[in-house]
N, C-alpha and C. Protein backbone atom coordinates (compact mmCIF):
# COMPACT_ATOMS: atom_id res chain seq x y z
N MET A 1 34.84 1.31 74.07
CA MET A 1 36.08 1.37 74.80
C MET A 1 37.27 1.26 73.85
N LYS A 2 37.13 0.42 72.83
CA LYS A 2 38.19 0.22 71.86
C LYS A 2 38.45 1.52 71.09
N ARG A 3 37.37 2.22 70.73
CA ARG A 3 37.51 3.49 70.01
C ARG A 3 38.27 4.50 70.87
N TYR A 4 37.97 4.49 72.17
CA TYR A 4 38.64 5.41 73.08
C TYR A 4 40.14 5.13 73.10
N GLY A 5 40.50 3.85 73.08
CA GLY A 5 41.92 3.47 73.05
C GLY A 5 42.61 3.98 71.81
N TRP A 6 41.94 3.88 70.66
CA TRP A 6 42.50 4.40 69.40
C TRP A 6 42.66 5.91 69.49
N PHE A 7 41.67 6.55 70.08
CA PHE A 7 41.72 8.01 70.21
C PHE A 7 42.91 8.43 71.05
N VAL A 8 43.10 7.80 72.17
CA VAL A 8 44.22 8.13 73.06
C VAL A 8 45.54 7.87 72.35
N ALA A 9 45.63 6.74 71.64
CA ALA A 9 46.86 6.42 70.91
C ALA A 9 47.14 7.46 69.84
N ALA A 10 46.12 7.89 69.13
CA ALA A 10 46.31 8.90 68.08
C ALA A 10 46.78 10.22 68.67
N ILE A 11 46.20 10.63 69.78
CA ILE A 11 46.60 11.87 70.44
C ILE A 11 48.05 11.78 70.90
N LEU A 12 48.43 10.64 71.48
CA LEU A 12 49.80 10.47 71.93
C LEU A 12 50.78 10.52 70.77
N ILE A 13 50.44 9.87 69.67
CA ILE A 13 51.31 9.89 68.49
C ILE A 13 51.47 11.31 67.97
N LEU A 14 50.37 12.02 67.86
CA LEU A 14 50.44 13.41 67.40
C LEU A 14 51.26 14.26 68.35
N ALA A 15 51.06 14.09 69.64
CA ALA A 15 51.79 14.87 70.63
C ALA A 15 53.28 14.58 70.55
N LEU A 16 53.65 13.31 70.40
CA LEU A 16 55.06 12.95 70.29
C LEU A 16 55.67 13.51 69.00
N ALA A 17 54.91 13.46 67.93
CA ALA A 17 55.42 13.98 66.66
C ALA A 17 55.70 15.47 66.75
N PHE A 18 54.80 16.20 67.36
CA PHE A 18 54.98 17.64 67.47
C PHE A 18 56.04 18.00 68.50
N ALA A 19 56.15 17.22 69.57
CA ALA A 19 57.14 17.51 70.61
C ALA A 19 58.55 17.18 70.12
N ALA A 20 58.67 16.16 69.30
CA ALA A 20 59.98 15.73 68.84
C ALA A 20 60.60 16.73 67.88
N SER A 21 59.79 17.45 67.16
CA SER A 21 60.34 18.36 66.17
C SER A 21 59.56 19.68 66.18
N PRO A 22 60.20 20.75 66.60
CA PRO A 22 59.51 22.04 66.57
C PRO A 22 59.12 22.44 65.15
N ALA A 23 59.89 21.99 64.18
CA ALA A 23 59.58 22.30 62.78
C ALA A 23 58.30 21.59 62.35
N ALA A 24 58.01 20.45 62.96
CA ALA A 24 56.81 19.69 62.59
C ALA A 24 55.56 20.48 62.91
N ALA A 25 55.62 21.29 63.96
CA ALA A 25 54.45 22.09 64.33
C ALA A 25 54.13 23.11 63.25
N ALA A 26 55.14 23.55 62.51
CA ALA A 26 54.94 24.54 61.46
C ALA A 26 54.41 23.91 60.18
N GLU A 27 54.63 22.60 60.00
CA GLU A 27 54.15 21.92 58.80
C GLU A 27 52.64 21.71 58.93
N LYS A 28 51.98 21.71 57.78
CA LYS A 28 50.53 21.50 57.84
C LYS A 28 50.20 20.01 57.84
N THR A 29 49.11 19.71 58.48
CA THR A 29 48.62 18.34 58.57
C THR A 29 47.40 18.21 57.69
N GLY A 30 47.39 17.18 56.85
CA GLY A 30 46.25 16.93 55.98
C GLY A 30 45.40 15.79 56.51
N PHE A 31 44.19 15.74 56.02
CA PHE A 31 43.26 14.70 56.45
C PHE A 31 42.58 14.11 55.23
N VAL A 32 42.38 12.80 55.25
CA VAL A 32 41.70 12.11 54.16
C VAL A 32 40.84 11.01 54.77
N ASN A 33 39.69 10.78 54.14
CA ASN A 33 38.82 9.70 54.56
C ASN A 33 38.88 8.63 53.46
N VAL A 34 39.78 7.66 53.65
CA VAL A 34 40.00 6.63 52.63
C VAL A 34 38.73 5.81 52.40
N GLN A 35 37.97 5.57 53.45
CA GLN A 35 36.71 4.83 53.31
C GLN A 35 35.76 5.56 52.36
N GLU A 36 35.68 6.87 52.49
CA GLU A 36 34.82 7.67 51.62
C GLU A 36 35.32 7.61 50.18
N VAL A 37 36.63 7.64 50.00
CA VAL A 37 37.20 7.53 48.65
C VAL A 37 36.78 6.21 48.02
N MET A 38 36.87 5.15 48.80
CA MET A 38 36.52 3.83 48.26
C MET A 38 35.04 3.72 47.92
N VAL A 39 34.19 4.35 48.71
CA VAL A 39 32.74 4.22 48.51
C VAL A 39 32.22 5.16 47.43
N THR A 40 32.77 6.36 47.34
CA THR A 40 32.20 7.36 46.43
C THR A 40 32.95 7.52 45.11
N SER A 41 34.11 6.92 44.97
CA SER A 41 34.81 7.00 43.69
C SER A 41 34.06 6.14 42.66
N ASN A 42 34.31 6.41 41.39
CA ASN A 42 33.65 5.65 40.33
C ASN A 42 33.95 4.15 40.45
N ALA A 43 35.23 3.83 40.68
CA ALA A 43 35.62 2.42 40.81
C ALA A 43 34.96 1.80 42.04
N GLY A 44 34.91 2.55 43.13
CA GLY A 44 34.28 2.04 44.35
C GLY A 44 32.80 1.79 44.16
N LYS A 45 32.13 2.71 43.47
CA LYS A 45 30.70 2.53 43.21
C LYS A 45 30.46 1.29 42.35
N LYS A 46 31.31 1.08 41.35
CA LYS A 46 31.16 -0.09 40.48
C LYS A 46 31.36 -1.38 41.27
N GLU A 47 32.39 -1.40 42.09
CA GLU A 47 32.66 -2.59 42.91
C GLU A 47 31.50 -2.83 43.89
N THR A 48 31.00 -1.77 44.49
CA THR A 48 29.88 -1.88 45.43
C THR A 48 28.64 -2.41 44.73
N ASP A 49 28.38 -1.93 43.52
CA ASP A 49 27.22 -2.43 42.75
C ASP A 49 27.37 -3.91 42.44
N ASP A 50 28.60 -4.32 42.06
CA ASP A 50 28.83 -5.73 41.75
C ASP A 50 28.59 -6.60 42.98
N ILE A 51 29.07 -6.14 44.13
CA ILE A 51 28.86 -6.89 45.37
C ILE A 51 27.38 -6.93 45.71
N LYS A 52 26.69 -5.80 45.54
CA LYS A 52 25.27 -5.73 45.87
C LYS A 52 24.46 -6.72 45.02
N LYS A 53 24.80 -6.84 43.74
CA LYS A 53 24.11 -7.80 42.87
C LYS A 53 24.32 -9.23 43.38
N SER A 54 25.54 -9.53 43.75
CA SER A 54 25.86 -10.86 44.27
C SER A 54 25.12 -11.12 45.58
N VAL A 55 25.09 -10.12 46.45
CA VAL A 55 24.41 -10.25 47.74
C VAL A 55 22.92 -10.44 47.53
N ASP A 56 22.34 -9.71 46.59
CA ASP A 56 20.91 -9.85 46.32
C ASP A 56 20.55 -11.26 45.85
N LYS A 57 21.40 -11.83 44.98
CA LYS A 57 21.16 -13.20 44.51
C LYS A 57 21.22 -14.18 45.68
N THR A 58 22.24 -14.00 46.52
CA THR A 58 22.40 -14.89 47.66
C THR A 58 21.25 -14.74 48.65
N LYS A 59 20.80 -13.49 48.87
CA LYS A 59 19.67 -13.26 49.78
C LYS A 59 18.42 -13.97 49.29
N ALA A 60 18.22 -13.97 47.97
CA ALA A 60 17.04 -14.64 47.41
C ALA A 60 17.11 -16.15 47.67
N ILE A 61 18.28 -16.73 47.51
CA ILE A 61 18.45 -18.16 47.76
C ILE A 61 18.23 -18.46 49.24
N ILE A 62 18.80 -17.61 50.10
CA ILE A 62 18.65 -17.81 51.55
C ILE A 62 17.19 -17.68 51.95
N LYS A 63 16.49 -16.70 51.41
CA LYS A 63 15.07 -16.51 51.72
C LYS A 63 14.25 -17.73 51.29
N GLU A 64 14.59 -18.26 50.12
CA GLU A 64 13.90 -19.45 49.63
C GLU A 64 14.09 -20.63 50.59
N ARG A 65 15.32 -20.78 51.07
CA ARG A 65 15.62 -21.86 52.03
C ARG A 65 14.90 -21.63 53.36
N GLU A 66 14.83 -20.38 53.80
CA GLU A 66 14.11 -20.06 55.03
C GLU A 66 12.64 -20.44 54.92
N ASN A 67 12.04 -20.10 53.79
CA ASN A 67 10.64 -20.44 53.56
C ASN A 67 10.44 -21.96 53.56
N GLU A 68 11.37 -22.66 52.93
CA GLU A 68 11.30 -24.12 52.87
C GLU A 68 11.39 -24.71 54.29
N LEU A 69 12.31 -24.16 55.10
CA LEU A 69 12.46 -24.63 56.49
C LEU A 69 11.21 -24.35 57.31
N THR A 70 10.63 -23.18 57.13
CA THR A 70 9.41 -22.82 57.86
C THR A 70 8.29 -23.79 57.51
N LYS A 71 8.18 -24.06 56.23
CA LYS A 71 7.13 -24.98 55.77
C LYS A 71 7.35 -26.37 56.36
N LEU A 72 8.58 -26.84 56.34
CA LEU A 72 8.88 -28.16 56.90
C LEU A 72 8.58 -28.22 58.39
N LYS A 73 8.97 -27.17 59.10
CA LYS A 73 8.73 -27.12 60.55
C LYS A 73 7.23 -27.13 60.84
N ASP A 74 6.46 -26.34 60.08
CA ASP A 74 5.01 -26.31 60.27
C ASP A 74 4.38 -27.68 60.02
N GLU A 75 4.81 -28.33 58.93
CA GLU A 75 4.29 -29.66 58.62
C GLU A 75 4.62 -30.64 59.74
N LEU A 76 5.85 -30.55 60.23
CA LEU A 76 6.29 -31.44 61.30
C LEU A 76 5.44 -31.24 62.56
N GLU A 77 5.19 -30.00 62.90
CA GLU A 77 4.39 -29.71 64.11
C GLU A 77 2.94 -30.18 63.95
N LYS A 78 2.39 -30.01 62.74
CA LYS A 78 1.01 -30.45 62.50
C LYS A 78 0.90 -31.98 62.54
N GLN A 79 1.90 -32.66 62.01
CA GLN A 79 1.85 -34.11 61.92
C GLN A 79 2.36 -34.81 63.18
N ARG A 80 2.99 -34.08 64.07
CA ARG A 80 3.59 -34.67 65.28
C ARG A 80 2.63 -35.61 66.03
N PRO A 81 1.40 -35.17 66.32
CA PRO A 81 0.52 -36.08 67.08
C PRO A 81 0.08 -37.31 66.28
N LEU A 82 0.13 -37.22 64.95
CA LEU A 82 -0.37 -38.31 64.12
C LEU A 82 0.69 -39.34 63.75
N LEU A 83 1.97 -38.93 63.79
CA LEU A 83 3.04 -39.82 63.33
C LEU A 83 3.49 -40.79 64.42
N LYS A 84 3.94 -41.94 63.94
CA LYS A 84 4.55 -42.90 64.85
C LYS A 84 5.95 -42.38 65.19
N GLU A 85 6.48 -42.93 66.26
CA GLU A 85 7.76 -42.43 66.77
C GLU A 85 8.88 -42.52 65.73
N ASP A 86 8.97 -43.63 65.00
CA ASP A 86 10.02 -43.80 63.99
C ASP A 86 9.88 -42.77 62.87
N ALA A 87 8.67 -42.59 62.38
CA ALA A 87 8.42 -41.63 61.30
C ALA A 87 8.71 -40.20 61.77
N LEU A 88 8.35 -39.91 63.01
CA LEU A 88 8.60 -38.58 63.57
C LEU A 88 10.09 -38.31 63.66
N LYS A 89 10.85 -39.29 64.15
CA LYS A 89 12.31 -39.13 64.26
C LYS A 89 12.92 -38.91 62.88
N GLU A 90 12.45 -39.65 61.91
CA GLU A 90 12.95 -39.54 60.54
C GLU A 90 12.73 -38.12 59.99
N LYS A 91 11.53 -37.60 60.21
CA LYS A 91 11.20 -36.24 59.74
C LYS A 91 12.03 -35.19 60.50
N GLU A 92 12.22 -35.40 61.80
CA GLU A 92 13.02 -34.46 62.58
C GLU A 92 14.47 -34.46 62.11
N ILE A 93 15.01 -35.63 61.81
CA ILE A 93 16.38 -35.73 61.30
C ILE A 93 16.49 -35.04 59.95
N ALA A 94 15.50 -35.22 59.09
CA ALA A 94 15.51 -34.56 57.78
C ALA A 94 15.47 -33.03 57.95
N TYR A 95 14.64 -32.58 58.90
CA TYR A 95 14.57 -31.14 59.17
C TYR A 95 15.91 -30.61 59.69
N GLN A 96 16.52 -31.33 60.62
CA GLN A 96 17.80 -30.90 61.19
C GLN A 96 18.89 -30.83 60.11
N LYS A 97 18.86 -31.80 59.18
CA LYS A 97 19.84 -31.80 58.10
C LYS A 97 19.66 -30.56 57.20
N LYS A 98 18.43 -30.28 56.87
CA LYS A 98 18.15 -29.10 56.04
C LYS A 98 18.52 -27.82 56.79
N PHE A 99 18.31 -27.78 58.08
CA PHE A 99 18.65 -26.62 58.89
C PHE A 99 20.17 -26.42 58.92
N ARG A 100 20.93 -27.51 59.07
CA ARG A 100 22.40 -27.42 59.03
C ARG A 100 22.87 -26.93 57.67
N ASP A 101 22.25 -27.44 56.60
CA ASP A 101 22.60 -26.99 55.25
C ASP A 101 22.34 -25.49 55.10
N TYR A 102 21.23 -25.04 55.66
CA TYR A 102 20.89 -23.61 55.63
C TYR A 102 21.94 -22.79 56.38
N GLN A 103 22.33 -23.26 57.57
CA GLN A 103 23.33 -22.55 58.35
C GLN A 103 24.66 -22.47 57.60
N LEU A 104 25.04 -23.55 56.94
CA LEU A 104 26.27 -23.56 56.15
C LEU A 104 26.18 -22.59 54.98
N LEU A 105 25.03 -22.53 54.34
CA LEU A 105 24.82 -21.60 53.24
C LEU A 105 25.02 -20.16 53.71
N VAL A 106 24.43 -19.81 54.83
CA VAL A 106 24.56 -18.46 55.37
C VAL A 106 26.01 -18.17 55.72
N LYS A 107 26.66 -19.11 56.40
CA LYS A 107 28.07 -18.93 56.80
C LYS A 107 28.96 -18.77 55.57
N ASP A 108 28.79 -19.64 54.59
CA ASP A 108 29.59 -19.57 53.37
C ASP A 108 29.34 -18.25 52.62
N SER A 109 28.10 -17.81 52.60
CA SER A 109 27.76 -16.55 51.93
C SER A 109 28.45 -15.37 52.60
N ASN A 110 28.43 -15.36 53.93
CA ASN A 110 29.10 -14.28 54.67
C ASN A 110 30.61 -14.29 54.43
N GLU A 111 31.20 -15.47 54.43
CA GLU A 111 32.64 -15.59 54.19
C GLU A 111 32.99 -15.14 52.77
N GLU A 112 32.15 -15.50 51.82
CA GLU A 112 32.38 -15.10 50.43
C GLU A 112 32.29 -13.58 50.29
N LEU A 113 31.33 -12.97 50.96
CA LEU A 113 31.19 -11.52 50.92
C LEU A 113 32.42 -10.85 51.53
N GLN A 114 32.88 -11.35 52.66
CA GLN A 114 34.08 -10.78 53.28
C GLN A 114 35.29 -10.93 52.38
N ALA A 115 35.41 -12.06 51.71
CA ALA A 115 36.54 -12.29 50.80
C ALA A 115 36.49 -11.30 49.63
N LYS A 116 35.30 -11.05 49.09
CA LYS A 116 35.17 -10.09 47.99
C LYS A 116 35.54 -8.69 48.45
N GLU A 117 35.10 -8.32 49.66
CA GLU A 117 35.43 -7.00 50.19
C GLU A 117 36.94 -6.86 50.39
N GLN A 118 37.58 -7.91 50.89
CA GLN A 118 39.04 -7.89 51.08
C GLN A 118 39.76 -7.78 49.74
N GLU A 119 39.25 -8.46 48.75
CA GLU A 119 39.84 -8.40 47.40
C GLU A 119 39.78 -6.97 46.85
N ILE A 120 38.65 -6.32 47.05
CA ILE A 120 38.50 -4.93 46.60
C ILE A 120 39.48 -4.03 47.34
N LEU A 121 39.59 -4.23 48.65
CA LEU A 121 40.55 -3.45 49.43
C LEU A 121 41.96 -3.62 48.90
N LYS A 122 42.35 -4.86 48.63
CA LYS A 122 43.70 -5.14 48.12
C LYS A 122 43.94 -4.46 46.78
N LYS A 123 42.90 -4.39 45.95
CA LYS A 123 43.05 -3.77 44.63
C LYS A 123 43.16 -2.26 44.73
N MET A 124 42.33 -1.63 45.56
CA MET A 124 42.19 -0.18 45.54
C MET A 124 43.09 0.57 46.52
N ILE A 125 43.30 0.04 47.69
CA ILE A 125 44.03 0.75 48.74
C ILE A 125 45.42 1.20 48.31
N PRO A 126 46.24 0.33 47.70
CA PRO A 126 47.59 0.80 47.32
C PRO A 126 47.56 2.02 46.40
N ASP A 127 46.64 2.04 45.45
CA ASP A 127 46.55 3.17 44.53
C ASP A 127 46.08 4.44 45.25
N ILE A 128 45.13 4.28 46.16
CA ILE A 128 44.65 5.44 46.93
C ILE A 128 45.79 6.00 47.78
N LEU A 129 46.53 5.12 48.43
CA LEU A 129 47.63 5.57 49.29
C LEU A 129 48.74 6.25 48.47
N LYS A 130 49.00 5.76 47.27
CA LYS A 130 49.99 6.42 46.39
C LYS A 130 49.53 7.83 46.05
N LEU A 131 48.25 7.98 45.74
CA LEU A 131 47.71 9.31 45.44
C LEU A 131 47.84 10.25 46.64
N VAL A 132 47.50 9.76 47.81
CA VAL A 132 47.60 10.57 49.02
C VAL A 132 49.04 10.99 49.26
N GLN A 133 49.94 10.05 49.09
CA GLN A 133 51.37 10.35 49.27
C GLN A 133 51.83 11.38 48.25
N SER A 134 51.40 11.22 47.02
CA SER A 134 51.79 12.17 45.97
C SER A 134 51.29 13.58 46.29
N ILE A 135 50.04 13.69 46.70
CA ILE A 135 49.49 15.00 47.08
C ILE A 135 50.25 15.57 48.27
N GLY A 136 50.56 14.72 49.24
CA GLY A 136 51.30 15.16 50.42
C GLY A 136 52.67 15.71 50.07
N GLU A 137 53.35 15.04 49.15
CA GLU A 137 54.69 15.49 48.75
C GLU A 137 54.61 16.78 47.94
N LYS A 138 53.67 16.83 47.00
CA LYS A 138 53.54 18.03 46.16
C LYS A 138 53.19 19.27 46.97
N GLU A 139 52.30 19.10 47.94
CA GLU A 139 51.79 20.25 48.68
C GLU A 139 52.46 20.42 50.04
N LYS A 140 53.54 19.68 50.26
CA LYS A 140 54.38 19.85 51.45
C LYS A 140 53.62 19.65 52.77
N TYR A 141 52.82 18.59 52.84
CA TYR A 141 52.17 18.24 54.09
C TYR A 141 53.19 17.53 54.98
N GLY A 142 53.17 17.82 56.26
CA GLY A 142 54.04 17.12 57.20
C GLY A 142 53.48 15.74 57.52
N MET A 143 52.15 15.65 57.47
CA MET A 143 51.47 14.40 57.81
C MET A 143 50.07 14.44 57.22
N ILE A 144 49.58 13.28 56.78
CA ILE A 144 48.19 13.16 56.35
C ILE A 144 47.60 11.99 57.12
N VAL A 145 46.50 12.27 57.82
CA VAL A 145 45.86 11.28 58.70
C VAL A 145 44.59 10.77 58.03
N ASP A 146 44.41 9.44 58.07
CA ASP A 146 43.18 8.83 57.55
C ASP A 146 42.13 8.90 58.65
N ILE A 147 41.17 9.80 58.48
CA ILE A 147 40.16 10.01 59.52
C ILE A 147 39.12 8.89 59.58
N SER A 148 39.14 7.98 58.62
CA SER A 148 38.23 6.83 58.70
C SER A 148 38.80 5.76 59.63
N GLN A 149 40.08 5.81 59.91
CA GLN A 149 40.73 4.82 60.76
C GLN A 149 41.04 5.32 62.16
N VAL A 150 41.35 6.62 62.26
CA VAL A 150 41.71 7.21 63.55
C VAL A 150 40.66 8.25 63.90
N PRO A 151 39.96 8.06 65.00
CA PRO A 151 38.93 9.05 65.35
C PRO A 151 39.58 10.39 65.71
N ILE A 152 39.16 11.42 65.02
CA ILE A 152 39.67 12.77 65.25
C ILE A 152 38.49 13.61 65.71
N VAL A 153 38.66 14.28 66.82
CA VAL A 153 37.58 15.11 67.36
C VAL A 153 37.34 16.31 66.46
N TYR A 154 38.41 16.92 65.99
CA TYR A 154 38.29 18.09 65.14
C TYR A 154 39.43 18.07 64.13
N HIS A 155 39.13 18.50 62.92
CA HIS A 155 40.19 18.73 61.94
C HIS A 155 39.76 19.88 61.04
N ALA A 156 40.73 20.63 60.58
CA ALA A 156 40.46 21.79 59.74
C ALA A 156 39.98 21.31 58.37
N LYS A 157 38.78 21.69 58.01
CA LYS A 157 38.17 21.24 56.75
C LYS A 157 38.99 21.67 55.54
N GLU A 158 39.69 22.80 55.65
CA GLU A 158 40.50 23.24 54.51
C GLU A 158 41.70 22.32 54.27
N ASN A 159 42.05 21.51 55.25
CA ASN A 159 43.15 20.55 55.07
C ASN A 159 42.65 19.14 54.75
N ASP A 160 41.35 18.99 54.51
CA ASP A 160 40.77 17.70 54.15
C ASP A 160 40.92 17.54 52.64
N ILE A 161 41.69 16.55 52.24
CA ILE A 161 41.98 16.36 50.80
C ILE A 161 41.16 15.23 50.19
N THR A 162 40.16 14.76 50.90
CA THR A 162 39.36 13.62 50.42
C THR A 162 38.78 13.86 49.03
N LYS A 163 38.16 15.00 48.82
CA LYS A 163 37.51 15.30 47.53
C LYS A 163 38.54 15.29 46.40
N ARG A 164 39.72 15.87 46.65
CA ARG A 164 40.77 15.87 45.62
C ARG A 164 41.25 14.46 45.32
N VAL A 165 41.37 13.65 46.36
CA VAL A 165 41.81 12.26 46.16
C VAL A 165 40.76 11.51 45.33
N ILE A 166 39.48 11.72 45.62
CA ILE A 166 38.42 11.07 44.84
C ILE A 166 38.50 11.50 43.38
N ASP A 167 38.63 12.80 43.13
CA ASP A 167 38.71 13.30 41.75
C ASP A 167 39.91 12.71 41.02
N GLU A 168 41.05 12.72 41.67
CA GLU A 168 42.28 12.19 41.06
C GLU A 168 42.18 10.69 40.86
N PHE A 169 41.60 10.00 41.82
CA PHE A 169 41.44 8.56 41.73
C PHE A 169 40.53 8.20 40.56
N ASN A 170 39.46 8.97 40.37
CA ASN A 170 38.55 8.73 39.24
C ASN A 170 39.28 8.90 37.91
N LYS A 171 40.22 9.81 37.86
CA LYS A 171 40.97 10.05 36.61
C LYS A 171 42.01 8.97 36.34
N THR A 172 42.66 8.48 37.38
CA THR A 172 43.84 7.65 37.17
C THR A 172 43.67 6.16 37.44
N TYR A 173 42.65 5.76 38.18
CA TYR A 173 42.56 4.35 38.59
C TYR A 173 42.22 3.44 37.43
N LYS A 174 43.03 2.42 37.28
CA LYS A 174 42.77 1.36 36.29
C LYS A 174 42.64 0.06 37.05
N PRO A 175 41.47 -0.58 37.00
CA PRO A 175 41.28 -1.82 37.76
C PRO A 175 42.28 -2.90 37.35
N LYS A 176 42.76 -3.63 38.36
CA LYS A 176 43.68 -4.75 38.09
C LYS A 176 42.85 -6.00 37.91
N LYS A 177 43.20 -6.77 36.95
CA LYS A 177 42.46 -8.02 36.66
C LYS A 177 42.93 -9.12 37.55
C-alpha cells in the first residue's frame, strides 16, 4: 500500500510539472538507479565486501552463541528431573542471562550494520548526485528521476543514465576518510 502511495505521488508530481510548463513537456526526462550505482560501482563493491566480511565475523560469533545456548538448554532439560529446586532455578537464571546476552549481541550487531550502511550512504550519495546533476546540465535534461526511490511503471531505456553514472563514478570517486 505504501508503494502505491509513492506511485500516485510521483504521477501527480510529474503531471503538475508538465501541466505547469508547456516547455517542460518538450524537455527530456532522464532516469537513474542510484541504488544500482552504489552496488555495482567499484567503490560500492569495495564497501559491500568490507561490510560482508564484518557480517560474516559477527555471524560466526552469533552462531557460536546459539550453539552454546542450545547445549545449555538441552543440559537443563536433561537434568530437570534430577536437580533440586534451588539448583534448577540457578541454572534457569544462568540460561536466561546468557539468552539476554545473546539477544543484545544480535541487536547490537544489527544496529552496527545499519550504522555502517548509513555511513556509506553519507559518503557516496552526495558525489553520485553531483554526477547526476552534472550530466543533467550538460545534456539538457529537464528532470532526472531516481527509479530506485520512485516506482516508475515505464521509462525510456535510452534516457536511463545509470551506466554512464557508474562509469563516471568509477573514474572520479575518491573515498573520504
